[in-house]
Amino acid sequence: MITITTTQDLADFCTKARNHPYVTLDTEFLRERTYYSKLCLVQMAVPGDAEDDAVLLDPLVDGLSLDPLYDLFRDESVVKVFHAARQDLEIFFIEGNVIPKPLFDTQVAAMVCGFGEQAGYETLVRKIANQPLDKSSRFTDWSRRPLSEAQQNYALGDVTHLRVIYEFLAEKLEKTNRQSWVEEELQILTNPETYITRPAEAWKRIKTRTNSGKFLAVVRELARFRETHAQSRNIPRSRVYKDEALMELASTKPATMQDIGRSRLLQREARRGDISDGILAAVQVGINCEPDDYPKVTNRRESLQVNPALADLLRVLLKAKSDITGVAPKLIATAAELDLIAGGQRDVRALSGWRAEVFGNDAIQLCDGKVALAVRGNQVDTIEL
């Protein structure tokens, strides 16, 4: 088992990888105590059975540069294969300002190929590679050294079996002519905006039960401060204050340190110092916000006139299309998207791209009363009216 610990050895492996059509990759990282993920290990493999065809890369070694790996990521002659790539790509974008291209995500491809919603790596190893997978090291602290042989074997398995899975899925996509479907899905993963968190937009992740502009203005400023504070100190958002505490603060709108002290949900560390000062300032900014600058909430289900019967018909149509194509229903359209369509929204992902061909076009005709649903044996079909 080979572990790369020098920049030159990394460069040599990346040169070797350029002689192959693809390279499989995975990462191990920690994020429990930080805002940004701490990269602890990179696994890489190229086609072949030799010992040096699959390696571990230790990014924690002093003096090792990942530049050769980033150069490989930019080489578009080699496909970079990941499984459930989003967190891996976020790490590389934050640390190296690079997104691997071309990219292949086996989780996305598996959903398109009929392996269900959010197909796990272990499932694909079992069903495609016909191999068992030892997950005993799943909760390892990957920052500790040395790594045991069991940990190294576990990590390496995440890229060796991935070679078989990639080749199987790539062949199936070619046979079904669905490569463009996967490429469309990967546009989100390869878009740098996916990995940029702007404090001013942090409030959009918080679930609220009101459309009150004044209330949302305070929520926005509290979320903005929390995000900025967490980023600057590289600590988790929850270490500043949790969502429940944020909502409490937005409701009570504390104006003094004494008011903050009455909070039931605020952690002890947030009741003093920079955090408490930031809370008071954020609340004041939110209260003083002009109505024209209130946050705008769009496409809330409660504000739509959703016809429940039509929404149910869309669910039947979606299930029928999923059965015909073998594509996971959730990948075609989410429950929230079905409600939006039933409520008259047309700027919905499920109505564009390959989804329009599979489901969206018929969904619109169903909403417009141009087609009906009929049962033929075990199959649901659309009938023109």
Protein backbone atom coordinates (compact mmCIF):
# COMPACT_ATOMS: atom_id res chain seq x y z
CA MET A 1 0.00 0.00 0.00
CA ILE A 2 1.52 3.29 -1.15
CA THR A 3 1.10 6.59 0.68
CA ILE A 4 2.29 9.74 -1.09
CA THR A 5 4.04 12.17 1.26
CA THR A 6 6.09 14.37 -1.12
CA THR A 7 5.17 16.83 -3.84
CA GLN A 8 7.40 15.01 -6.34
CA ASP A 9 5.71 11.66 -5.73
CA LEU A 10 2.33 13.34 -6.15
CA ALA A 11 3.49 14.92 -9.40
CA ASP A 12 4.69 11.50 -10.64
CA PHE A 13 1.34 9.86 -9.91
CA CYS A 14 -0.56 12.70 -11.59
CA THR A 15 1.65 12.32 -14.67
CA LYS A 16 0.81 8.62 -14.68
CA ALA A 17 -2.91 9.42 -14.35
CA ARG A 18 -2.76 11.50 -17.53
CA ASN A 19 -2.04 8.32 -19.45
CA HIS A 20 -5.45 6.92 -18.47
CA PRO A 21 -8.98 7.95 -19.48
CA TYR A 22 -10.09 8.45 -15.88
CA VAL A 23 -8.96 8.61 -12.27
CA THR A 24 -11.17 7.82 -9.27
CA LEU A 25 -10.94 10.03 -6.18
CA ASP A 26 -12.27 10.37 -2.66
CA THR A 27 -11.39 12.34 0.45
CA GLU A 28 -11.50 11.92 4.20
CA PHE A 29 -12.00 15.06 6.25
CA LEU A 30 -13.15 16.49 9.57
CA ARG A 31 -15.71 19.25 10.04
CA GLU A 32 -17.22 18.77 13.48
CA ARG A 33 -15.14 21.52 15.11
CA THR A 34 -14.57 23.91 12.19
CA TYR A 35 -16.52 25.97 9.68
CA TYR A 36 -14.39 24.81 6.79
CA SER A 37 -13.62 21.12 6.28
CA LYS A 38 -10.13 19.99 7.23
CA LEU A 39 -8.72 17.78 4.48
CA CYS A 40 -7.05 14.75 6.07
CA LEU A 41 -6.60 12.22 3.26
CA VAL A 42 -7.01 11.91 -0.51
CA GLN A 43 -7.47 8.56 -2.23
CA MET A 44 -6.74 8.10 -5.94
CA ALA A 45 -6.80 5.18 -8.37
CA VAL A 46 -6.31 4.62 -12.08
CA PRO A 47 -7.32 1.55 -14.10
CA GLY A 48 -5.13 -1.46 -13.37
CA ASP A 49 -4.24 -4.05 -10.75
CA ALA A 50 -0.70 -2.97 -9.86
CA GLU A 51 0.05 -1.78 -6.34
CA ASP A 52 0.90 1.73 -7.53
CA ASP A 53 -2.40 2.06 -9.46
CA ALA A 54 -4.18 2.98 -6.22
CA VAL A 55 -2.57 5.32 -3.69
CA LEU A 56 -3.24 7.38 -0.60
CA LEU A 57 -2.15 11.00 -0.39
CA ASP A 58 -1.40 12.51 3.03
CA PRO A 59 -2.09 16.27 2.82
CA LEU A 60 -1.13 16.75 6.47
CA VAL A 61 2.57 16.21 5.76
CA ASP A 62 4.58 19.41 6.17
CA GLY A 63 5.87 20.84 2.92
CA LEU A 64 3.62 18.83 0.60
CA SER A 65 1.92 20.91 -2.10
CA LEU A 66 -1.32 19.84 -3.78
CA ASP A 67 -0.56 21.86 -6.91
CA PRO A 68 0.15 18.74 -9.06
CA LEU A 69 -3.28 17.40 -8.09
CA TYR A 70 -4.93 20.70 -8.95
CA ASP A 71 -3.18 20.68 -12.32
CA LEU A 72 -4.61 17.20 -12.94
CA PHE A 73 -8.06 18.53 -12.05
CA ARG A 74 -7.66 21.13 -14.81
CA ASP A 75 -6.59 18.54 -17.41
CA GLU A 76 -9.79 17.90 -19.35
CA SER A 77 -8.38 14.81 -21.08
CA VAL A 78 -8.86 12.81 -17.87
CA VAL A 79 -12.30 12.20 -16.31
CA LYS A 80 -12.33 12.74 -12.55
CA VAL A 81 -14.66 10.21 -10.92
CA PHE A 82 -16.19 10.76 -7.46
CA HIS A 83 -19.12 9.35 -5.55
CA ALA A 84 -21.40 11.98 -3.93
CA ALA A 85 -18.86 14.62 -4.87
CA ARG A 86 -20.29 17.80 -3.37
CA GLN A 87 -18.33 17.89 -0.11
CA ASP A 88 -15.14 16.75 -1.83
CA LEU A 89 -15.46 19.48 -4.45
CA GLU A 90 -16.17 22.12 -1.82
CA ILE A 91 -12.88 21.27 -0.10
CA PHE A 92 -10.87 21.53 -3.30
CA PHE A 93 -12.60 24.76 -4.33
CA ILE A 94 -12.00 26.41 -0.95
CA GLU A 95 -8.39 25.20 -0.65
CA GLY A 96 -7.25 25.31 -4.27
CA ASN A 97 -9.84 27.46 -6.09
CA VAL A 98 -10.30 24.62 -8.58
CA ILE A 99 -13.15 22.33 -9.62
CA PRO A 100 -12.22 19.05 -11.34
CA LYS A 101 -13.26 18.85 -15.00
CA PRO A 102 -14.58 16.78 -16.60
CA LEU A 103 -16.44 15.39 -13.61
CA PHE A 104 -18.38 12.15 -13.19
CA ASP A 105 -20.43 11.55 -10.04
CA THR A 106 -21.44 7.91 -9.66
CA GLN A 107 -24.25 8.76 -7.22
CA VAL A 108 -25.91 11.02 -9.80
CA ALA A 109 -25.31 8.49 -12.58
CA ALA A 110 -26.73 5.68 -10.44
CA MET A 111 -29.98 7.59 -9.90
CA VAL A 112 -30.28 8.18 -13.63
CA CYS A 113 -29.59 4.47 -14.24
CA GLY A 114 -32.33 3.26 -11.93
CA PHE A 115 -30.54 2.54 -8.65
CA GLY A 116 -32.97 4.59 -6.58
CA GLU A 117 -32.71 7.85 -4.67
CA GLN A 118 -29.32 8.83 -3.20
CA ALA A 119 -27.72 5.48 -4.01
CA GLY A 120 -25.05 4.80 -1.38
CA TYR A 121 -21.54 3.70 -2.26
CA GLU A 122 -21.91 0.51 -0.26
CA THR A 123 -25.03 -0.38 -2.26
CA LEU A 124 -23.26 0.16 -5.58
CA VAL A 125 -20.25 -1.87 -4.48
CA ARG A 126 -22.54 -4.75 -3.61
CA LYS A 127 -24.78 -4.55 -6.67
CA ILE A 128 -22.24 -3.63 -9.35
CA ALA A 129 -18.82 -4.70 -8.12
CA ASN A 130 -20.25 -7.75 -6.31
CA GLN A 131 -17.94 -7.11 -3.40
CA PRO A 132 -18.51 -6.64 0.34
CA LEU A 133 -17.43 -3.34 1.90
CA ASP A 134 -15.94 -3.03 5.36
CA LYS A 135 -17.34 0.16 6.95
CA SER A 136 -15.84 -0.38 10.40
CA SER A 137 -13.56 2.65 10.02
CA ARG A 138 -16.35 4.99 8.94
CA PHE A 139 -16.13 7.17 12.06
CA THR A 140 -12.35 7.41 12.19
CA ASP A 141 -10.61 10.59 13.28
CA TRP A 142 -8.71 10.97 10.01
CA SER A 143 -6.48 13.71 11.39
CA ARG A 144 -4.65 11.32 13.72
CA ARG A 145 -1.43 9.65 12.65
CA PRO A 146 -0.31 7.01 12.04
CA LEU A 147 -3.28 5.44 10.25
CA SER A 148 -3.78 1.75 10.92
CA GLU A 149 -3.71 -0.81 8.13
CA ALA A 150 -7.47 -1.27 8.55
CA GLN A 151 -8.04 2.46 8.11
CA GLN A 152 -5.86 2.55 5.02
CA ASN A 153 -7.63 -0.44 3.48
CA TYR A 154 -11.00 1.15 4.21
CA ALA A 155 -9.94 4.43 2.59
CA LEU A 156 -8.45 2.75 -0.47
CA GLY A 157 -11.61 0.71 -1.01
CA ASP A 158 -13.47 3.94 -1.68
CA VAL A 159 -11.60 4.37 -4.97
CA THR A 160 -10.67 0.84 -6.09
CA HIS A 161 -14.28 -0.43 -6.30
CA LEU A 162 -15.22 2.92 -7.79
CA ARG A 163 -13.37 1.98 -10.98
CA VAL A 164 -15.73 -0.94 -11.63
CA ILE A 165 -18.78 1.14 -10.75
CA TYR A 166 -17.74 3.98 -13.07
CA GLU A 167 -17.11 1.72 -16.05
CA PHE A 168 -20.46 -0.04 -15.56
CA LEU A 169 -22.46 3.18 -15.23
CA ALA A 170 -20.67 4.94 -18.09
CA GLU A 171 -21.45 2.02 -20.39
CA LYS A 172 -25.09 1.95 -19.31
CA LEU A 173 -25.47 5.69 -19.86
CA GLU A 174 -24.05 5.34 -23.36
CA LYS A 175 -26.44 2.50 -24.20
CA THR A 176 -29.46 4.46 -22.97
CA ASN A 177 -28.21 7.75 -24.45
CA ARG A 178 -28.53 9.51 -21.09
CA GLN A 179 -25.04 11.01 -20.80
CA SER A 180 -26.55 14.46 -21.32
CA TRP A 181 -28.88 13.90 -18.36
CA VAL A 182 -25.94 13.36 -16.03
CA GLU A 183 -24.04 16.29 -17.52
CA GLU A 184 -27.05 18.53 -16.85
CA GLU A 185 -27.13 17.43 -13.22
CA LEU A 186 -23.40 18.03 -12.81
CA GLN A 187 -23.74 21.68 -13.83
CA ILE A 188 -24.67 22.47 -10.23
CA LEU A 189 -21.64 20.62 -8.86
CA THR A 190 -19.26 22.31 -11.28
CA ASN A 191 -20.62 25.80 -10.67
CA PRO A 192 -18.38 27.76 -8.23
CA GLU A 193 -21.48 29.52 -6.85
CA THR A 194 -22.48 26.20 -5.28
CA TYR A 195 -19.56 26.50 -2.84
CA ILE A 196 -19.68 30.19 -2.05
CA THR A 197 -21.54 31.08 1.14
CA ARG A 198 -22.48 34.74 1.33
CA PRO A 199 -23.41 35.97 4.82
CA ALA A 200 -26.10 38.25 3.38
CA GLU A 201 -27.93 35.20 2.02
CA ALA A 202 -27.52 32.94 5.06
CA TRP A 203 -31.05 33.70 6.27
CA LYS A 204 -32.52 31.75 3.34
CA ARG A 205 -31.47 28.45 4.94
CA ILE A 206 -33.48 29.16 8.10
CA LYS A 207 -37.01 27.80 8.31
CA THR A 208 -39.53 30.37 9.48
CA ARG A 209 -43.29 30.33 9.81
CA THR A 210 -43.97 33.92 8.91
CA ASN A 211 -43.71 36.22 5.91
CA SER A 212 -43.43 39.32 8.10
CA GLY A 213 -40.84 41.55 6.45
CA LYS A 214 -39.81 43.18 9.72
CA PHE A 215 -39.30 39.82 11.43
CA LEU A 216 -37.35 38.46 8.47
CA ALA A 217 -35.16 41.56 8.45
CA VAL A 218 -34.01 40.75 11.99
CA VAL A 219 -33.53 37.09 11.04
CA ARG A 220 -31.41 38.16 8.07
CA GLU A 221 -29.12 40.35 10.18
CA LEU A 222 -28.72 37.74 12.92
CA ALA A 223 -27.90 35.09 10.29
CA ARG A 224 -25.50 37.47 8.56
CA PHE A 225 -23.60 38.15 11.77
CA ARG A 226 -23.48 34.46 12.70
CA GLU A 227 -22.11 33.47 9.29
CA THR A 228 -19.49 36.22 9.27
CA HIS A 229 -18.40 35.40 12.82
CA ALA A 230 -18.20 31.66 12.11
CA GLN A 231 -16.23 32.15 8.90
CA SER A 232 -13.74 34.56 10.43
CA ARG A 233 -12.99 32.21 13.33
CA ASN A 234 -13.41 28.95 11.40
CA ILE A 235 -15.92 27.54 13.85
CA PRO A 236 -19.29 25.83 13.19
CA ARG A 237 -22.35 28.07 12.98
CA SER A 238 -23.88 26.20 15.91
CA ARG A 239 -20.95 27.28 18.09
CA VAL A 240 -22.08 30.88 17.65
CA TYR A 241 -25.77 30.14 18.20
CA LYS A 242 -28.17 27.55 16.86
CA ASP A 243 -31.13 28.20 14.60
CA GLU A 244 -33.55 27.83 17.50
CA ALA A 245 -31.72 30.53 19.45
CA LEU A 246 -31.63 32.76 16.38
CA MET A 247 -35.40 32.49 16.01
CA GLU A 248 -35.85 33.27 19.70
CA LEU A 249 -33.66 36.37 19.37
CA ALA A 250 -35.58 37.51 16.29
CA SER A 251 -38.81 37.23 18.29
CA THR A 252 -37.63 38.88 21.53
CA LYS A 253 -35.39 41.47 19.83
CA PRO A 254 -33.02 42.07 22.77
CA ALA A 255 -31.84 45.67 23.19
CA THR A 256 -29.54 45.26 26.20
CA MET A 257 -27.18 42.73 27.74
CA GLN A 258 -29.83 42.09 30.36
CA ASP A 259 -32.28 41.13 27.61
CA ILE A 260 -29.75 38.69 26.16
CA GLY A 261 -29.33 37.17 29.61
CA ARG A 262 -33.02 36.25 29.62
CA SER A 263 -32.68 34.05 26.55
CA ARG A 264 -33.60 30.42 27.17
CA LEU A 265 -31.79 28.96 24.16
CA LEU A 266 -28.62 31.01 23.84
CA GLN A 267 -25.41 29.23 24.82
CA ARG A 268 -23.27 30.63 27.62
CA GLU A 269 -20.48 31.73 25.26
CA ALA A 270 -22.93 33.86 23.27
CA ARG A 271 -24.10 35.87 26.29
CA ARG A 272 -20.94 37.97 26.46
CA GLY A 273 -18.12 39.42 24.42
CA ASP A 274 -18.07 39.71 20.64
CA ILE A 275 -21.08 37.48 20.07
CA SER A 276 -23.43 39.35 22.40
CA ASP A 277 -22.27 42.67 20.97
CA GLY A 278 -22.88 41.32 17.47
CA ILE A 279 -26.35 40.14 18.41
CA LEU A 280 -27.39 43.54 19.74
CA ALA A 281 -26.02 45.32 16.69
CA ALA A 282 -27.67 42.86 14.27
CA VAL A 283 -31.06 43.17 15.96
CA GLN A 284 -30.85 46.96 15.80
CA VAL A 285 -29.99 46.92 12.11
CA GLY A 286 -32.92 44.60 11.43
CA ILE A 287 -35.36 46.76 13.39
CA ASN A 288 -34.23 49.90 11.56
CA CYS A 289 -34.49 48.26 8.12
CA GLU A 290 -36.68 50.19 5.68
CA PRO A 291 -39.68 48.28 4.27
CA ASP A 292 -38.27 48.49 0.75
CA ASP A 293 -35.23 46.53 1.96
CA TYR A 294 -37.14 43.75 3.72
CA PRO A 295 -36.19 40.22 2.63
CA LYS A 296 -38.49 38.85 -0.04
CA VAL A 297 -39.77 35.29 0.25
CA THR A 298 -40.85 33.78 -3.05
CA ASN A 299 -42.61 30.59 -4.00
CA ARG A 300 -43.72 29.76 -0.47
CA ARG A 301 -46.23 26.93 -0.63
CA GLU A 302 -48.57 28.71 1.78
CA SER A 303 -48.90 31.65 -0.61
CA LEU A 304 -49.87 29.45 -3.57
CA GLN A 305 -53.38 28.36 -4.46
CA VAL A 306 -52.47 24.68 -4.64
CA ASN A 307 -55.19 22.36 -5.89
CA PRO A 308 -54.66 19.23 -3.71
CA ALA A 309 -56.34 16.97 -6.26
CA LEU A 310 -54.10 18.24 -9.04
CA ALA A 311 -51.03 17.80 -6.86
CA ASP A 312 -52.08 14.19 -6.24
CA LEU A 313 -52.52 13.61 -9.98
CA LEU A 314 -49.02 14.98 -10.58
CA ARG A 315 -47.67 12.50 -8.03
CA VAL A 316 -49.36 9.66 -9.91
CA LEU A 317 -47.90 10.92 -13.17
CA LEU A 318 -44.44 11.20 -11.62
CA LYS A 319 -44.62 7.63 -10.28
CA ALA A 320 -45.66 6.38 -13.72
CA LYS A 321 -42.82 8.21 -15.47
CA SER A 322 -40.34 6.97 -12.88
CA ASP A 323 -41.44 3.37 -13.46
CA ILE A 324 -41.13 3.74 -17.23
CA THR A 325 -37.70 5.39 -17.23
CA GLY A 326 -36.25 3.66 -14.18
CA VAL A 327 -35.17 7.04 -12.81
CA ALA A 328 -35.67 7.84 -9.13
CA PRO A 329 -38.79 10.02 -8.66
CA LYS A 330 -36.93 12.47 -6.41
CA LEU A 331 -34.40 13.11 -9.17
CA ILE A 332 -37.18 14.01 -11.61
CA ALA A 333 -39.23 16.20 -9.26
CA THR A 334 -39.46 16.80 -5.53
CA ALA A 335 -42.71 16.98 -3.58
CA ALA A 336 -42.22 20.74 -3.19
CA GLU A 337 -41.80 21.14 -6.95
CA LEU A 338 -45.02 19.23 -7.59
CA ASP A 339 -46.87 21.62 -5.28
CA LEU A 340 -45.36 24.60 -7.08
CA ILE A 341 -46.47 23.22 -10.44
CA ALA A 342 -49.96 22.53 -9.09
CA GLY A 343 -50.02 26.11 -7.80
CA GLY A 344 -49.30 27.54 -11.24
CA GLN A 345 -45.53 28.05 -11.04
CA ARG A 346 -43.69 27.30 -14.26
CA ASP A 347 -40.16 28.38 -13.38
CA VAL A 348 -39.49 24.99 -11.83
CA ARG A 349 -36.53 22.67 -12.41
CA ALA A 350 -38.82 19.71 -13.10
CA LEU A 351 -40.18 21.50 -16.17
CA SER A 352 -36.84 22.07 -17.92
CA GLY A 353 -34.05 20.10 -19.57
CA TRP A 354 -34.31 16.32 -19.68
CA ARG A 355 -36.96 16.43 -16.97
CA ALA A 356 -39.32 18.23 -19.35
CA GLU A 357 -38.96 15.37 -21.84
CA VAL A 358 -39.48 12.70 -19.19
CA PHE A 359 -42.16 14.38 -17.06
CA GLY A 360 -42.52 18.14 -17.33
CA ASN A 361 -44.25 18.46 -20.70
CA ASP A 362 -46.95 15.98 -19.74
CA ALA A 363 -47.26 17.62 -16.32
CA ILE A 364 -48.05 20.98 -17.89
CA GLN A 365 -50.61 19.41 -20.22
CA LEU A 366 -52.20 17.67 -17.25
CA CYS A 367 -52.44 20.99 -15.39
CA ASP A 368 -53.93 22.65 -18.48
CA GLY A 369 -56.57 19.95 -18.88
CA LYS A 370 -55.18 18.75 -22.20
CA VAL A 371 -54.45 15.19 -21.07
CA ALA A 372 -55.95 12.76 -18.61
CA LEU A 373 -54.53 9.76 -16.80
CA ALA A 374 -55.74 6.28 -17.58
CA VAL A 375 -54.87 2.86 -16.19
CA ARG A 376 -53.95 0.15 -18.68
CA GLY A 377 -53.20 -3.04 -16.80
CA ASN A 378 -50.38 -2.21 -14.42
CA GLN A 379 -49.39 0.96 -16.27
CA VAL A 380 -50.63 4.55 -16.04
CA ASP A 381 -50.76 6.36 -19.39
CA THR A 382 -51.69 9.87 -20.54
CA ILE A 383 -54.60 10.31 -22.94
CA GLU A 384 -55.14 13.43 -25.03
CA LEU A 385 -58.46 15.17 -24.42
